[in-house]
Amino acid sequence: MIDFEGHERHCEILALVKMMQYAAQIASELDTPQAVFLIKAAQEALFSVLKTESPALSNAHLNGLVSDTHGHC
């Protein structure tokens, strides 16, 4: 049985992580190292939630999901 709520939650977290990647790039271009640091810390916190909630997924798989620019997640 598929946990649709859990899947939706993971997709939303992945979307946030991807948005933060973009935000960190912009903050870096604006030469705001403190903002980059805080954004990356928030990214890591969300990534940690994914690792905790999806222990079957490897770090490589999660990194692939985050770096994938296709799809809704």
C-alpha atoms as a PDB file:
ATOM      1  CA  MET A   1       0.000   0.000   0.000  1.00  0.00           C
ATOM      2  CA  ILE A   2       1.321   3.458  -0.920  1.00  0.00           C
ATOM      3  CA  ASP A   3       1.475   6.180   1.713  1.00  0.00           C
ATOM      4  CA  PHE A   4       0.308   9.115  -0.402  1.00  0.00           C
ATOM      5  CA  GLU A   5       0.581  11.649   2.424  1.00  0.00           C
ATOM      6  CA  GLY A   6       4.138  10.552   3.166  1.00  0.00           C
ATOM      7  CA  HIS A   7       5.028  10.678  -0.526  1.00  0.00           C
ATOM      8  CA  GLU A   8       3.530  14.159  -0.872  1.00  0.00           C
ATOM      9  CA  ARG A   9       5.463  15.311   2.199  1.00  0.00           C
ATOM     10  CA  HIS A  10       8.727  14.011   0.753  1.00  0.00           C
ATOM     11  CA  CYS A  11       8.011  15.723  -2.570  1.00  0.00           C
ATOM     12  CA  GLU A  12       7.368  19.002  -0.778  1.00  0.00           C
ATOM     13  CA  ILE A  13      10.588  18.695   1.211  1.00  0.00           C
ATOM     14  CA  LEU A  14      12.519  17.920  -1.985  1.00  0.00           C
ATOM     15  CA  ALA A  15      10.961  20.960  -3.651  1.00  0.00           C
ATOM     16  CA  LEU A  16      12.055  23.147  -0.726  1.00  0.00           C
ATOM     17  CA  VAL A  17      15.593  21.769  -0.877  1.00  0.00           C
ATOM     18  CA  LYS A  18      15.731  22.536  -4.606  1.00  0.00           C
ATOM     19  CA  MET A  19      14.419  26.073  -4.057  1.00  0.00           C
ATOM     20  CA  MET A  20      17.061  26.568  -1.399  1.00  0.00           C
ATOM     21  CA  GLN A  21      19.757  25.472  -3.843  1.00  0.00           C
ATOM     22  CA  TYR A  22      18.624  28.264  -6.142  1.00  0.00           C
ATOM     23  CA  ALA A  23      18.420  30.734  -3.243  1.00  0.00           C
ATOM     24  CA  ALA A  24      21.954  29.825  -2.140  1.00  0.00           C
ATOM     25  CA  GLN A  25      23.238  30.449  -5.670  1.00  0.00           C
ATOM     26  CA  ILE A  26      21.598  33.883  -5.733  1.00  0.00           C
ATOM     27  CA  ALA A  27      22.864  34.722  -2.236  1.00  0.00           C
ATOM     28  CA  SER A  28      26.362  33.704  -3.329  1.00  0.00           C
ATOM     29  CA  GLU A  29      26.145  35.936  -6.414  1.00  0.00           C
ATOM     30  CA  LEU A  30      25.040  38.782  -4.134  1.00  0.00           C
ATOM     31  CA  ASP A  31      28.121  38.126  -1.976  1.00  0.00           C
ATOM     32  CA  THR A  32      26.163  37.429   1.208  1.00  0.00           C
ATOM     33  CA  PRO A  33      28.087  34.582   2.864  1.00  0.00           C
ATOM     34  CA  GLN A  34      25.982  34.628   6.045  1.00  0.00           C
ATOM     35  CA  ALA A  35      22.809  34.094   3.989  1.00  0.00           C
ATOM     36  CA  VAL A  36      24.485  31.265   2.056  1.00  0.00           C
ATOM     37  CA  PHE A  37      25.522  29.633   5.319  1.00  0.00           C
ATOM     38  CA  LEU A  38      22.017  29.830   6.799  1.00  0.00           C
ATOM     39  CA  ILE A  39      20.346  28.600   3.621  1.00  0.00           C
ATOM     40  CA  LYS A  40      22.695  25.620   3.436  1.00  0.00           C
ATOM     41  CA  ALA A  41      22.066  24.852   7.118  1.00  0.00           C
ATOM     42  CA  ALA A  42      18.309  24.831   6.472  1.00  0.00           C
ATOM     43  CA  GLN A  43      18.882  22.612   3.432  1.00  0.00           C
ATOM     44  CA  GLU A  44      20.847  20.132   5.527  1.00  0.00           C
ATOM     45  CA  ALA A  45      18.115  20.098   8.178  1.00  0.00           C
ATOM     46  CA  LEU A  46      15.484  19.235   5.557  1.00  0.00           C
ATOM     47  CA  PHE A  47      17.775  16.642   3.997  1.00  0.00           C
ATOM     48  CA  SER A  48      18.202  15.108   7.457  1.00  0.00           C
ATOM     49  CA  VAL A  49      14.417  14.833   7.787  1.00  0.00           C
ATOM     50  CA  LEU A  50      14.289  12.954   4.472  1.00  0.00           C
ATOM     51  CA  LYS A  51      17.057  10.586   5.595  1.00  0.00           C
ATOM     52  CA  THR A  52      15.259   9.917   8.873  1.00  0.00           C
ATOM     53  CA  GLU A  53      11.846   9.374   7.288  1.00  0.00           C
ATOM     54  CA  SER A  54      13.192   7.315   4.365  1.00  0.00           C
ATOM     55  CA  PRO A  55      15.997   5.178   5.799  1.00  0.00           C
ATOM     56  CA  ALA A  56      15.810   2.785   2.849  1.00  0.00           C
ATOM     57  CA  LEU A  57      17.048   5.510   0.498  1.00  0.00           C
ATOM     58  CA  SER A  58      20.802   5.867   0.227  1.00  0.00           C
ATOM     59  CA  ASN A  59      22.560   9.227   0.328  1.00  0.00           C
ATOM     60  CA  ALA A  60      23.413   8.792  -3.349  1.00  0.00           C
ATOM     61  CA  HIS A  61      19.751   8.240  -4.208  1.00  0.00           C
ATOM     62  CA  LEU A  62      18.626  11.256  -2.179  1.00  0.00           C
ATOM     63  CA  ASN A  63      21.322  13.410  -3.787  1.00  0.00           C
ATOM     64  CA  GLY A  64      20.101  12.231  -7.170  1.00  0.00           C
ATOM     65  CA  LEU A  65      16.550  13.222  -6.326  1.00  0.00           C
ATOM     66  CA  VAL A  66      17.660  16.652  -5.192  1.00  0.00           C
ATOM     67  CA  SER A  67      19.815  17.267  -8.247  1.00  0.00           C
ATOM     68  CA  ASP A  68      17.194  16.001 -10.726  1.00  0.00           C
ATOM     69  CA  THR A  69      15.618  18.982 -12.468  1.00  0.00           C
ATOM     70  CA  HIS A  70      12.779  16.979 -14.032  1.00  0.00           C
ATOM     71  CA  GLY A  71       9.367  16.160 -12.630  1.00  0.00           C
ATOM     72  CA  HIS A  72       7.343  17.662  -9.848  1.00  0.00           C
ATOM     73  CA  CYS A  73       9.609  16.698  -6.955  1.00  0.00           C
END
